[in-house]
Amino acid sequence: MRDAFSAELCNIAEKDSEVIFLTGDIGYQVFDNYVSKFPDRFFNMGVAEASMITTAAGLAHSGKKPFVYTIIPFLTMRAYEQIRVDVCINNHPLKIVGVGGGVAYGHLGPTHHATEDVAIMRALPNMTVIVPSDPSETRKAVIAAYQHNGPVYVRLGKNKEPDLKRYNYDTYQLGKAAVMREGKEIGIISCGPVMNEVLKAADELSKEGLESTVLNMHTIKPLDVEAIKKLADQVNVLVSVEEHNIIGGLGSAVSEVLAESGKGKTFRRLGIRDTICHGVGSQEYHYKKQGINAESIKNTIKELYLK
């Protein structure tokens, strides 16, 4: 996903000389092509994320089109006040791109995990929040962010995520969910790289005669409310799956829609269950521990369906 972001950023920068890229002392090899092509539009701001956001906000205020990039906890949390005050209050078109969503940096421990970022970013007025699931969708998300006239937060995984190829990416639209597969009994709403586990679980359920509709909610804000309501009317069991705390993220957003619309379906939020992910291990290790790997998702859905 990092490579896809870098490639699409280069494409955009070639067409628009106002695009500027700022990084918080990471991503050198990933962005070598950008740096070689546009050295006067690249700034390494060092480990100074708050200053990076304020600088980028000033550039946006002066008519430039800045993208900022670094590891998510240091970007969204260390610089949260600057994002709120310098960017969102002024509605500046700054594109904030965070890498390492969820437990992508599993081996680096909880300081590098990003399990609260969607909650805090979606709470900000004027902020759009996008969580692509694979490299091809990342490219579309970067284009949509660039074209959007306001602050945008794009949450990336890390790298080597597979292209899922479950829908026509040319139909990608900001704020509109994409249907990854269709079925009548179960509805699954997800986003981000954990979507790969969701699709594996749905395929396994299909082998047991339980068909699922999988909805890719790649835009968390603005949320595709109508798609959620429509799915809730069609299925018997509805779940959300996210690589994020179940408080404040996708599951909370879906819950709000169901509560306010009176859709009384059996609903379960699957994700990080309000805990710090202690322990050191791979992303797959944390998926299993938190119950969001394919097998755990499948088993939880079967339990809900058979109740």
C-alpha atoms as a PDB file:
ATOM      1  CA  MET A   1       0.000   0.000   0.000  1.00  0.00           C
ATOM      2  CA  ARG A   2       2.949   2.329   0.650  1.00  0.00           C
ATOM      3  CA  ASP A   3       4.276   1.661  -2.839  1.00  0.00           C
ATOM      4  CA  ALA A   4       0.830   2.290  -4.350  1.00  0.00           C
ATOM      5  CA  PHE A   5       0.577   5.598  -2.491  1.00  0.00           C
ATOM      6  CA  SER A   6       4.045   6.656  -3.616  1.00  0.00           C
ATOM      7  CA  ALA A   7       3.344   5.760  -7.255  1.00  0.00           C
ATOM      8  CA  GLU A   8       0.036   7.615  -7.346  1.00  0.00           C
ATOM      9  CA  LEU A   9       1.517  10.635  -5.579  1.00  0.00           C
ATOM     10  CA  CYS A  10       4.153  10.826  -8.338  1.00  0.00           C
ATOM     11  CA  ASN A  11       1.432  10.679 -10.990  1.00  0.00           C
ATOM     12  CA  ILE A  12      -0.457  13.519  -9.345  1.00  0.00           C
ATOM     13  CA  ALA A  13       2.677  15.630  -8.776  1.00  0.00           C
ATOM     14  CA  GLU A  14       3.658  15.309 -12.442  1.00  0.00           C
ATOM     15  CA  LYS A  15       0.371  16.935 -13.428  1.00  0.00           C
ATOM     16  CA  ASP A  16       0.176  19.507 -10.633  1.00  0.00           C
ATOM     17  CA  SER A  17       3.207  21.599  -9.651  1.00  0.00           C
ATOM     18  CA  GLU A  18       1.428  22.793  -6.493  1.00  0.00           C
ATOM     19  CA  VAL A  19       1.656  19.331  -4.877  1.00  0.00           C
ATOM     20  CA  ILE A  20       4.212  19.174  -2.043  1.00  0.00           C
ATOM     21  CA  PHE A  21       5.222  16.136   0.023  1.00  0.00           C
ATOM     22  CA  LEU A  22       6.366  16.289   3.652  1.00  0.00           C
ATOM     23  CA  THR A  23       7.512  13.269   5.646  1.00  0.00           C
ATOM     24  CA  GLY A  24       8.359  12.719   9.291  1.00  0.00           C
ATOM     25  CA  ASP A  25      11.776  11.126   8.795  1.00  0.00           C
ATOM     26  CA  ILE A  26      10.560   7.837   7.258  1.00  0.00           C
ATOM     27  CA  GLY A  27       9.960   6.260   3.863  1.00  0.00           C
ATOM     28  CA  TYR A  28      13.153   7.142   2.030  1.00  0.00           C
ATOM     29  CA  GLN A  29      13.398   4.140  -0.302  1.00  0.00           C
ATOM     30  CA  VAL A  30       9.650   4.099  -0.853  1.00  0.00           C
ATOM     31  CA  PHE A  31       9.726   7.689  -2.101  1.00  0.00           C
ATOM     32  CA  ASP A  32      13.053   7.691  -3.962  1.00  0.00           C
ATOM     33  CA  ASN A  33      11.273   8.138  -7.286  1.00  0.00           C
ATOM     34  CA  TYR A  34       9.306  11.135  -6.010  1.00  0.00           C
ATOM     35  CA  VAL A  35      12.411  12.750  -4.494  1.00  0.00           C
ATOM     36  CA  SER A  36      14.439  12.310  -7.675  1.00  0.00           C
ATOM     37  CA  LYS A  37      11.690  13.843  -9.815  1.00  0.00           C
ATOM     38  CA  PHE A  38      10.593  16.638  -7.486  1.00  0.00           C
ATOM     39  CA  PRO A  39      13.463  17.450  -5.090  1.00  0.00           C
ATOM     40  CA  ASP A  40      12.223  21.014  -4.580  1.00  0.00           C
ATOM     41  CA  ARG A  41       8.806  19.699  -3.530  1.00  0.00           C
ATOM     42  CA  PHE A  42      10.006  17.240  -0.893  1.00  0.00           C
ATOM     43  CA  PHE A  43      10.672  18.110   2.745  1.00  0.00           C
ATOM     44  CA  ASN A  44      11.948  15.779   5.452  1.00  0.00           C
ATOM     45  CA  MET A  45      10.625  17.449   8.585  1.00  0.00           C
ATOM     46  CA  GLY A  46      12.397  15.080  10.962  1.00  0.00           C
ATOM     47  CA  VAL A  47      10.825  13.644  14.087  1.00  0.00           C
ATOM     48  CA  ALA A  48       8.761  16.808  14.565  1.00  0.00           C
ATOM     49  CA  GLU A  49       5.230  15.844  13.579  1.00  0.00           C
ATOM     50  CA  ALA A  50       3.490  18.842  15.143  1.00  0.00           C
ATOM     51  CA  SER A  51       5.760  21.223  13.254  1.00  0.00           C
ATOM     52  CA  MET A  52       5.180  19.217  10.077  1.00  0.00           C
ATOM     53  CA  ILE A  53       1.397  19.628  10.340  1.00  0.00           C
ATOM     54  CA  THR A  54       1.636  23.353  11.088  1.00  0.00           C
ATOM     55  CA  THR A  55       4.053  23.880   8.196  1.00  0.00           C
ATOM     56  CA  ALA A  56       1.806  21.935   5.836  1.00  0.00           C
ATOM     57  CA  ALA A  57      -1.247  23.891   7.013  1.00  0.00           C
ATOM     58  CA  GLY A  58       0.597  27.107   6.164  1.00  0.00           C
ATOM     59  CA  LEU A  59       1.425  25.747   2.720  1.00  0.00           C
ATOM     60  CA  ALA A  60      -2.222  24.827   2.174  1.00  0.00           C
ATOM     61  CA  HIS A  61      -3.278  28.291   3.308  1.00  0.00           C
ATOM     62  CA  SER A  62      -0.971  29.803   0.682  1.00  0.00           C
ATOM     63  CA  GLY A  63      -2.519  27.755  -2.130  1.00  0.00           C
ATOM     64  CA  LYS A  64      -0.207  24.748  -2.213  1.00  0.00           C
ATOM     65  CA  LYS A  65      -1.469  21.157  -2.088  1.00  0.00           C
ATOM     66  CA  PRO A  66       0.523  19.375   0.605  1.00  0.00           C
ATOM     67  CA  PHE A  67       0.527  15.693   1.557  1.00  0.00           C
ATOM     68  CA  VAL A  68       2.057  14.697   4.899  1.00  0.00           C
ATOM     69  CA  TYR A  69       3.162  11.168   5.752  1.00  0.00           C
ATOM     70  CA  THR A  70       4.521   9.197   8.696  1.00  0.00           C
ATOM     71  CA  ILE A  71       3.657   6.387  11.135  1.00  0.00           C
ATOM     72  CA  ILE A  72       0.082   6.758  12.346  1.00  0.00           C
ATOM     73  CA  PRO A  73       0.383   7.139  16.144  1.00  0.00           C
ATOM     74  CA  PHE A  74       2.973   9.896  15.808  1.00  0.00           C
ATOM     75  CA  LEU A  75       1.024  11.624  13.042  1.00  0.00           C
ATOM     76  CA  THR A  76      -2.512  11.536  14.435  1.00  0.00           C
ATOM     77  CA  MET A  77      -1.850  11.641  18.181  1.00  0.00           C
ATOM     78  CA  ARG A  78       1.356  13.593  18.710  1.00  0.00           C
ATOM     79  CA  ALA A  79       0.105  16.269  16.305  1.00  0.00           C
ATOM     80  CA  TYR A  80      -3.591  16.076  17.140  1.00  0.00           C
ATOM     81  CA  GLU A  81      -3.869  19.647  18.429  1.00  0.00           C
ATOM     82  CA  GLN A  82      -2.231  21.000  15.281  1.00  0.00           C
ATOM     83  CA  ILE A  83      -4.551  18.929  13.081  1.00  0.00           C
ATOM     84  CA  ARG A  84      -7.565  20.243  14.972  1.00  0.00           C
ATOM     85  CA  VAL A  85      -6.519  23.896  15.216  1.00  0.00           C
ATOM     86  CA  ASP A  86      -4.360  24.551  12.162  1.00  0.00           C
ATOM     87  CA  VAL A  87      -6.129  22.256   9.711  1.00  0.00           C
ATOM     88  CA  CYS A  88      -9.733  21.437  10.624  1.00  0.00           C
ATOM     89  CA  ILE A  89     -10.827  24.744  12.163  1.00  0.00           C
ATOM     90  CA  ASN A  90      -9.588  26.484   9.011  1.00  0.00           C
ATOM     91  CA  ASN A  91     -10.821  23.682   6.711  1.00  0.00           C
ATOM     92  CA  HIS A  92      -7.476  23.610   4.901  1.00  0.00           C
ATOM     93  CA  PRO A  93      -7.129  20.998   2.112  1.00  0.00           C
ATOM     94  CA  LEU A  94      -4.278  19.119   3.771  1.00  0.00           C
ATOM     95  CA  LYS A  95      -3.942  15.404   2.983  1.00  0.00           C
ATOM     96  CA  ILE A  96      -2.783  13.426   6.011  1.00  0.00           C
ATOM     97  CA  VAL A  97      -1.515   9.959   5.089  1.00  0.00           C
ATOM     98  CA  GLY A  98      -0.706   7.582   7.916  1.00  0.00           C
ATOM     99  CA  VAL A  99       1.124   4.268   7.527  1.00  0.00           C
ATOM    100  CA  GLY A 100       0.839   1.196   9.746  1.00  0.00           C
ATOM    101  CA  GLY A 101      -2.907   1.014  10.393  1.00  0.00           C
ATOM    102  CA  GLY A 102      -4.021  -1.279  13.198  1.00  0.00           C
ATOM    103  CA  VAL A 103      -1.329  -3.790  14.135  1.00  0.00           C
ATOM    104  CA  ALA A 104       0.670  -3.635  10.890  1.00  0.00           C
ATOM    105  CA  TYR A 105       3.749  -2.799  12.971  1.00  0.00           C
ATOM    106  CA  GLY A 106       3.023  -5.783  15.200  1.00  0.00           C
ATOM    107  CA  HIS A 107       6.626  -6.542  16.115  1.00  0.00           C
ATOM    108  CA  LEU A 108       7.268  -2.994  17.336  1.00  0.00           C
ATOM    109  CA  GLY A 109       4.746  -3.219  20.163  1.00  0.00           C
ATOM    110  CA  PRO A 110       1.850  -1.034  21.323  1.00  0.00           C
ATOM    111  CA  THR A 111       3.652   2.306  20.914  1.00  0.00           C
ATOM    112  CA  HIS A 112       3.543   1.729  17.140  1.00  0.00           C
ATOM    113  CA  HIS A 113       0.073   0.195  16.937  1.00  0.00           C
ATOM    114  CA  ALA A 114      -2.682   2.376  15.488  1.00  0.00           C
ATOM    115  CA  THR A 115      -5.893   1.213  17.138  1.00  0.00           C
ATOM    116  CA  GLU A 116      -7.535   4.522  18.092  1.00  0.00           C
ATOM    117  CA  ASP A 117      -6.760   6.771  15.118  1.00  0.00           C
ATOM    118  CA  VAL A 118     -10.015   6.383  13.176  1.00  0.00           C
ATOM    119  CA  ALA A 119     -12.004   7.302  16.290  1.00  0.00           C
ATOM    120  CA  ILE A 120     -10.104  10.507  16.966  1.00  0.00           C
ATOM    121  CA  MET A 121      -9.918  11.588  13.336  1.00  0.00           C
ATOM    122  CA  ARG A 122     -13.605  11.014  12.587  1.00  0.00           C
ATOM    123  CA  ALA A 123     -14.458  13.136  15.635  1.00  0.00           C
ATOM    124  CA  LEU A 124     -12.939  16.199  13.955  1.00  0.00           C
ATOM    125  CA  PRO A 125     -15.346  18.484  12.047  1.00  0.00           C
ATOM    126  CA  ASN A 126     -14.447  18.919   8.347  1.00  0.00           C
ATOM    127  CA  MET A 127     -12.235  15.801   8.347  1.00  0.00           C
ATOM    128  CA  THR A 128     -12.818  13.049   5.764  1.00  0.00           C
ATOM    129  CA  VAL A 129     -11.562   9.586   6.770  1.00  0.00           C
ATOM    130  CA  ILE A 130     -10.596   6.932   4.202  1.00  0.00           C
ATOM    131  CA  VAL A 131      -9.381   3.375   4.959  1.00  0.00           C
ATOM    132  CA  PRO A 132      -8.445   1.528   1.737  1.00  0.00           C
ATOM    133  CA  SER A 133      -8.185  -2.254   1.755  1.00  0.00           C
ATOM    134  CA  ASP A 134      -5.541  -2.979  -0.876  1.00  0.00           C
ATOM    135  CA  PRO A 135      -3.020  -1.301  -3.221  1.00  0.00           C
ATOM    136  CA  SER A 136      -5.432  -0.649  -6.103  1.00  0.00           C
ATOM    137  CA  GLU A 137      -7.961   0.896  -3.765  1.00  0.00           C
ATOM    138  CA  THR A 138      -5.150   2.958  -2.217  1.00  0.00           C
ATOM    139  CA  ARG A 139      -4.491   4.568  -5.597  1.00  0.00           C
ATOM    140  CA  LYS A 140      -8.164   5.498  -5.935  1.00  0.00           C
ATOM    141  CA  ALA A 141      -8.223   6.820  -2.362  1.00  0.00           C
ATOM    142  CA  VAL A 142      -5.198   9.066  -3.010  1.00  0.00           C
ATOM    143  CA  ILE A 143      -6.828  10.494  -6.142  1.00  0.00           C
ATOM    144  CA  ALA A 144     -10.093  11.085  -4.262  1.00  0.00           C
ATOM    145  CA  ALA A 145      -8.210  12.745  -1.392  1.00  0.00           C
ATOM    146  CA  TYR A 146      -6.335  15.005  -3.797  1.00  0.00           C
ATOM    147  CA  GLN A 147      -9.570  16.049  -5.516  1.00  0.00           C
ATOM    148  CA  HIS A 148     -11.414  16.713  -2.242  1.00  0.00           C
ATOM    149  CA  ASN A 149     -11.444  20.357  -1.168  1.00  0.00           C
ATOM    150  CA  GLY A 150     -10.886  19.885   2.549  1.00  0.00           C
ATOM    151  CA  PRO A 151      -8.846  17.928   5.124  1.00  0.00           C
ATOM    152  CA  VAL A 152      -8.510  14.192   4.460  1.00  0.00           C
ATOM    153  CA  TYR A 153      -7.027  11.393   6.534  1.00  0.00           C
ATOM    154  CA  VAL A 154      -5.953   8.290   4.587  1.00  0.00           C
ATOM    155  CA  ARG A 155      -5.098   5.245   6.706  1.00  0.00           C
ATOM    156  CA  LEU A 156      -2.716   2.805   5.015  1.00  0.00           C
ATOM    157  CA  GLY A 157      -1.538  -0.630   5.972  1.00  0.00           C
ATOM    158  CA  LYS A 158       2.151  -1.206   5.471  1.00  0.00           C
ATOM    159  CA  ASN A 159       3.209  -3.081   2.343  1.00  0.00           C
ATOM    160  CA  LYS A 160       2.761  -6.333   0.401  1.00  0.00           C
ATOM    161  CA  GLU A 161      -1.004  -6.411   0.991  1.00  0.00           C
ATOM    162  CA  PRO A 162      -2.656  -8.407  -1.831  1.00  0.00           C
ATOM    163  CA  ASP A 163      -4.972  -6.847  -4.382  1.00  0.00           C
ATOM    164  CA  LEU A 164      -8.367  -8.322  -3.520  1.00  0.00           C
ATOM    165  CA  LYS A 165      -9.933  -7.759  -6.973  1.00  0.00           C
ATOM    166  CA  ARG A 166     -13.482  -8.246  -5.732  1.00  0.00           C
ATOM    167  CA  TYR A 167     -15.016  -5.198  -7.391  1.00  0.00           C
ATOM    168  CA  ASN A 168     -14.439  -2.803 -10.284  1.00  0.00           C
ATOM    169  CA  TYR A 169     -12.084  -0.163  -8.887  1.00  0.00           C
ATOM    170  CA  ASP A 170     -13.170   2.262 -11.610  1.00  0.00           C
ATOM    171  CA  THR A 171     -16.480   2.595  -9.724  1.00  0.00           C
ATOM    172  CA  TYR A 172     -14.685   3.849  -6.585  1.00  0.00           C
ATOM    173  CA  GLN A 173     -16.425   6.880  -5.141  1.00  0.00           C
ATOM    174  CA  LEU A 174     -15.702   8.772  -1.945  1.00  0.00           C
ATOM    175  CA  GLY A 175     -18.453   8.131   0.596  1.00  0.00           C
ATOM    176  CA  LYS A 176     -19.959   5.174  -1.290  1.00  0.00           C
ATOM    177  CA  ALA A 177     -19.411   1.628  -0.064  1.00  0.00           C
ATOM    178  CA  ALA A 178     -18.371  -1.120  -2.490  1.00  0.00           C
ATOM    179  CA  VAL A 179     -19.946  -4.593  -2.553  1.00  0.00           C
ATOM    180  CA  MET A 180     -17.215  -7.257  -2.465  1.00  0.00           C
ATOM    181  CA  ARG A 181     -19.531 -10.301  -2.559  1.00  0.00           C
ATOM    182  CA  GLU A 182     -23.273 -10.899  -2.237  1.00  0.00           C
ATOM    183  CA  GLY A 183     -25.367 -13.236  -0.098  1.00  0.00           C
ATOM    184  CA  LYS A 184     -28.730 -13.266   1.667  1.00  0.00           C
ATOM    185  CA  GLU A 185     -28.155 -14.567   5.197  1.00  0.00           C
ATOM    186  CA  ILE A 186     -25.243 -12.575   6.632  1.00  0.00           C
ATOM    187  CA  GLY A 187     -23.938  -9.033   6.252  1.00  0.00           C
ATOM    188  CA  ILE A 188     -20.313  -8.134   6.964  1.00  0.00           C
ATOM    189  CA  ILE A 189     -19.098  -4.531   6.902  1.00  0.00           C
ATOM    190  CA  SER A 190     -15.352  -3.999   6.941  1.00  0.00           C
ATOM    191  CA  CYS A 191     -12.466  -1.854   5.681  1.00  0.00           C
ATOM    192  CA  GLY A 192      -8.688  -1.886   5.494  1.00  0.00           C
ATOM    193  CA  PRO A 193      -6.306  -4.840   5.026  1.00  0.00           C
ATOM    194  CA  VAL A 194      -8.314  -7.031   7.439  1.00  0.00           C
ATOM    195  CA  MET A 195     -10.785  -7.254   4.551  1.00  0.00           C
ATOM    196  CA  ASN A 196      -8.656 -10.107   3.241  1.00  0.00           C
ATOM    197  CA  GLU A 197      -9.500 -12.123   6.382  1.00  0.00           C
ATOM    198  CA  VAL A 198     -13.162 -11.161   6.056  1.00  0.00           C
ATOM    199  CA  LEU A 199     -13.362 -12.456   2.481  1.00  0.00           C
ATOM    200  CA  LYS A 200     -11.653 -15.705   3.448  1.00  0.00           C
ATOM    201  CA  ALA A 201     -14.196 -16.151   6.266  1.00  0.00           C
ATOM    202  CA  ALA A 202     -17.097 -15.398   3.932  1.00  0.00           C
ATOM    203  CA  ASP A 203     -15.831 -17.908   1.386  1.00  0.00           C
ATOM    204  CA  GLU A 204     -15.524 -20.569   4.092  1.00  0.00           C
ATOM    205  CA  LEU A 205     -19.041 -19.842   5.343  1.00  0.00           C
ATOM    206  CA  SER A 206     -20.293 -20.247   1.789  1.00  0.00           C
ATOM    207  CA  LYS A 207     -18.886 -23.785   1.714  1.00  0.00           C
ATOM    208  CA  GLU A 208     -21.112 -24.495   4.731  1.00  0.00           C
ATOM    209  CA  GLY A 209     -24.205 -23.058   3.044  1.00  0.00           C
ATOM    210  CA  LEU A 210     -24.170 -19.613   4.650  1.00  0.00           C
ATOM    211  CA  GLU A 211     -23.959 -16.826   2.075  1.00  0.00           C
ATOM    212  CA  SER A 212     -22.665 -13.372   3.031  1.00  0.00           C
ATOM    213  CA  THR A 213     -22.786  -9.900   1.571  1.00  0.00           C
ATOM    214  CA  VAL A 214     -19.474  -8.165   2.271  1.00  0.00           C
ATOM    215  CA  LEU A 215     -19.605  -4.391   2.211  1.00  0.00           C
ATOM    216  CA  ASN A 216     -16.339  -2.480   1.863  1.00  0.00           C
ATOM    217  CA  MET A 217     -16.866   0.731   3.856  1.00  0.00           C
ATOM    218  CA  HIS A 218     -13.664   2.348   2.604  1.00  0.00           C
ATOM    219  CA  THR A 219     -14.897   5.814   3.602  1.00  0.00           C
ATOM    220  CA  ILE A 220     -15.626   5.996   7.322  1.00  0.00           C
ATOM    221  CA  LYS A 221     -16.515   9.668   7.121  1.00  0.00           C
ATOM    222  CA  PRO A 222     -18.717  10.533   5.322  1.00  0.00           C
ATOM    223  CA  LEU A 223     -20.333   7.154   5.946  1.00  0.00           C
ATOM    224  CA  ASP A 224     -22.553   5.429   3.383  1.00  0.00           C
ATOM    225  CA  VAL A 225     -25.604   5.390   5.644  1.00  0.00           C
ATOM    226  CA  GLU A 226     -28.011   4.174   2.975  1.00  0.00           C
ATOM    227  CA  ALA A 227     -25.842   1.154   2.158  1.00  0.00           C
ATOM    228  CA  ILE A 228     -25.819   0.140   5.841  1.00  0.00           C
ATOM    229  CA  LYS A 229     -29.600   0.504   6.177  1.00  0.00           C
ATOM    230  CA  LYS A 230     -30.201  -1.440   2.973  1.00  0.00           C
ATOM    231  CA  LEU A 231     -27.930  -4.284   4.097  1.00  0.00           C
ATOM    232  CA  ALA A 232     -29.567  -4.398   7.528  1.00  0.00           C
ATOM    233  CA  ASP A 233     -32.946  -4.922   5.839  1.00  0.00           C
ATOM    234  CA  GLN A 234     -31.645  -7.789   3.713  1.00  0.00           C
ATOM    235  CA  VAL A 235     -29.790 -10.043   6.170  1.00  0.00           C
ATOM    236  CA  ASN A 236     -30.457 -11.875   9.440  1.00  0.00           C
ATOM    237  CA  VAL A 237     -27.090 -11.241  11.095  1.00  0.00           C
ATOM    238  CA  LEU A 238     -24.886  -8.172  10.680  1.00  0.00           C
ATOM    239  CA  VAL A 239     -21.284  -7.776  11.868  1.00  0.00           C
ATOM    240  CA  SER A 240     -18.547  -5.192  11.469  1.00  0.00           C
ATOM    241  CA  VAL A 241     -14.872  -6.163  11.325  1.00  0.00           C
ATOM    242  CA  GLU A 242     -12.060  -3.660  11.808  1.00  0.00           C
ATOM    243  CA  GLU A 243      -8.380  -3.520  12.684  1.00  0.00           C
ATOM    244  CA  HIS A 244      -9.142  -0.868  15.283  1.00  0.00           C
ATOM    245  CA  ASN A 245     -10.673  -0.483  18.717  1.00  0.00           C
ATOM    246  CA  ILE A 246     -14.380  -1.321  18.525  1.00  0.00           C
ATOM    247  CA  ILE A 247     -14.994   1.961  20.367  1.00  0.00           C
ATOM    248  CA  GLY A 248     -15.185   4.938  18.042  1.00  0.00           C
ATOM    249  CA  GLY A 249     -14.258   3.293  14.755  1.00  0.00           C
ATOM    250  CA  LEU A 250     -16.224   1.535  12.019  1.00  0.00           C
ATOM    251  CA  GLY A 251     -18.284  -0.573  14.421  1.00  0.00           C
ATOM    252  CA  SER A 252     -19.348   2.470  16.391  1.00  0.00           C
ATOM    253  CA  ALA A 253     -20.251   4.310  13.192  1.00  0.00           C
ATOM    254  CA  VAL A 254     -22.421   1.405  12.025  1.00  0.00           C
ATOM    255  CA  SER A 255     -24.023   1.132  15.489  1.00  0.00           C
ATOM    256  CA  GLU A 256     -24.999   4.791  15.349  1.00  0.00           C
ATOM    257  CA  VAL A 257     -26.762   4.253  12.017  1.00  0.00           C
ATOM    258  CA  LEU A 258     -28.612   1.175  13.261  1.00  0.00           C
ATOM    259  CA  ALA A 259     -29.688   2.878  16.491  1.00  0.00           C
ATOM    260  CA  GLU A 260     -30.898   6.071  14.854  1.00  0.00           C
ATOM    261  CA  SER A 261     -32.701   4.289  12.022  1.00  0.00           C
ATOM    262  CA  GLY A 262     -34.381   1.714  14.272  1.00  0.00           C
ATOM    263  CA  LYS A 263     -32.859  -1.260  12.463  1.00  0.00           C
ATOM    264  CA  GLY A 264     -33.067  -3.905  15.183  1.00  0.00           C
ATOM    265  CA  LYS A 265     -30.811  -6.544  13.688  1.00  0.00           C
ATOM    266  CA  THR A 266     -28.507  -8.936  15.515  1.00  0.00           C
ATOM    267  CA  PHE A 267     -25.281  -6.946  15.348  1.00  0.00           C
ATOM    268  CA  ARG A 268     -21.770  -7.591  16.624  1.00  0.00           C
ATOM    269  CA  ARG A 269     -18.623  -5.450  16.440  1.00  0.00           C
ATOM    270  CA  LEU A 270     -15.438  -7.422  15.824  1.00  0.00           C
ATOM    271  CA  GLY A 271     -12.129  -5.683  16.355  1.00  0.00           C
ATOM    272  CA  ILE A 272      -9.709  -4.705  19.112  1.00  0.00           C
ATOM    273  CA  ARG A 273     -11.876  -5.057  22.201  1.00  0.00           C
ATOM    274  CA  ASP A 274     -10.916  -1.906  24.132  1.00  0.00           C
ATOM    275  CA  THR A 275      -7.493  -3.184  25.043  1.00  0.00           C
ATOM    276  CA  ILE A 276      -3.837  -2.416  24.446  1.00  0.00           C
ATOM    277  CA  CYS A 277      -2.291  -5.046  22.162  1.00  0.00           C
ATOM    278  CA  HIS A 278       0.559  -6.112  24.417  1.00  0.00           C
ATOM    279  CA  GLY A 279       2.921  -8.793  23.276  1.00  0.00           C
ATOM    280  CA  VAL A 280       5.240  -8.765  20.315  1.00  0.00           C
ATOM    281  CA  GLY A 281       4.330 -10.623  17.163  1.00  0.00           C
ATOM    282  CA  SER A 282       3.318 -10.383  13.546  1.00  0.00           C
ATOM    283  CA  GLN A 283       0.118  -8.822  12.242  1.00  0.00           C
ATOM    284  CA  GLU A 284      -1.243 -12.360  11.841  1.00  0.00           C
ATOM    285  CA  TYR A 285      -0.388 -13.123  15.473  1.00  0.00           C
ATOM    286  CA  HIS A 286      -2.385 -10.110  16.657  1.00  0.00           C
ATOM    287  CA  TYR A 287      -5.289 -10.914  14.310  1.00  0.00           C
ATOM    288  CA  LYS A 288      -5.609 -14.333  15.920  1.00  0.00           C
ATOM    289  CA  LYS A 289      -5.209 -12.985  19.454  1.00  0.00           C
ATOM    290  CA  GLN A 290      -7.904 -10.336  18.885  1.00  0.00           C
ATOM    291  CA  GLY A 291     -10.318 -12.675  17.096  1.00  0.00           C
ATOM    292  CA  ILE A 292     -10.212 -11.012  13.690  1.00  0.00           C
ATOM    293  CA  ASN A 293      -8.481 -13.697  11.637  1.00  0.00           C
ATOM    294  CA  ALA A 294     -10.576 -15.619   9.109  1.00  0.00           C
ATOM    295  CA  GLU A 295     -11.256 -18.610  11.354  1.00  0.00           C
ATOM    296  CA  SER A 296     -12.356 -16.497  14.326  1.00  0.00           C
ATOM    297  CA  ILE A 297     -14.589 -14.298  12.153  1.00  0.00           C
ATOM    298  CA  LYS A 298     -16.228 -17.397  10.639  1.00  0.00           C
ATOM    299  CA  ASN A 299     -16.821 -19.021  14.027  1.00  0.00           C
ATOM    300  CA  THR A 300     -18.285 -15.865  15.588  1.00  0.00           C
ATOM    301  CA  ILE A 301     -20.684 -15.387  12.695  1.00  0.00           C
ATOM    302  CA  LYS A 302     -21.821 -19.035  12.862  1.00  0.00           C
ATOM    303  CA  GLU A 303     -22.513 -18.683  16.590  1.00  0.00           C
ATOM    304  CA  LEU A 304     -24.584 -15.553  15.998  1.00  0.00           C
ATOM    305  CA  TYR A 305     -26.474 -17.085  13.084  1.00  0.00           C
ATOM    306  CA  LEU A 306     -27.338 -20.307  14.931  1.00  0.00           C
ATOM    307  CA  LYS A 307     -28.584 -18.600  18.105  1.00  0.00           C
END
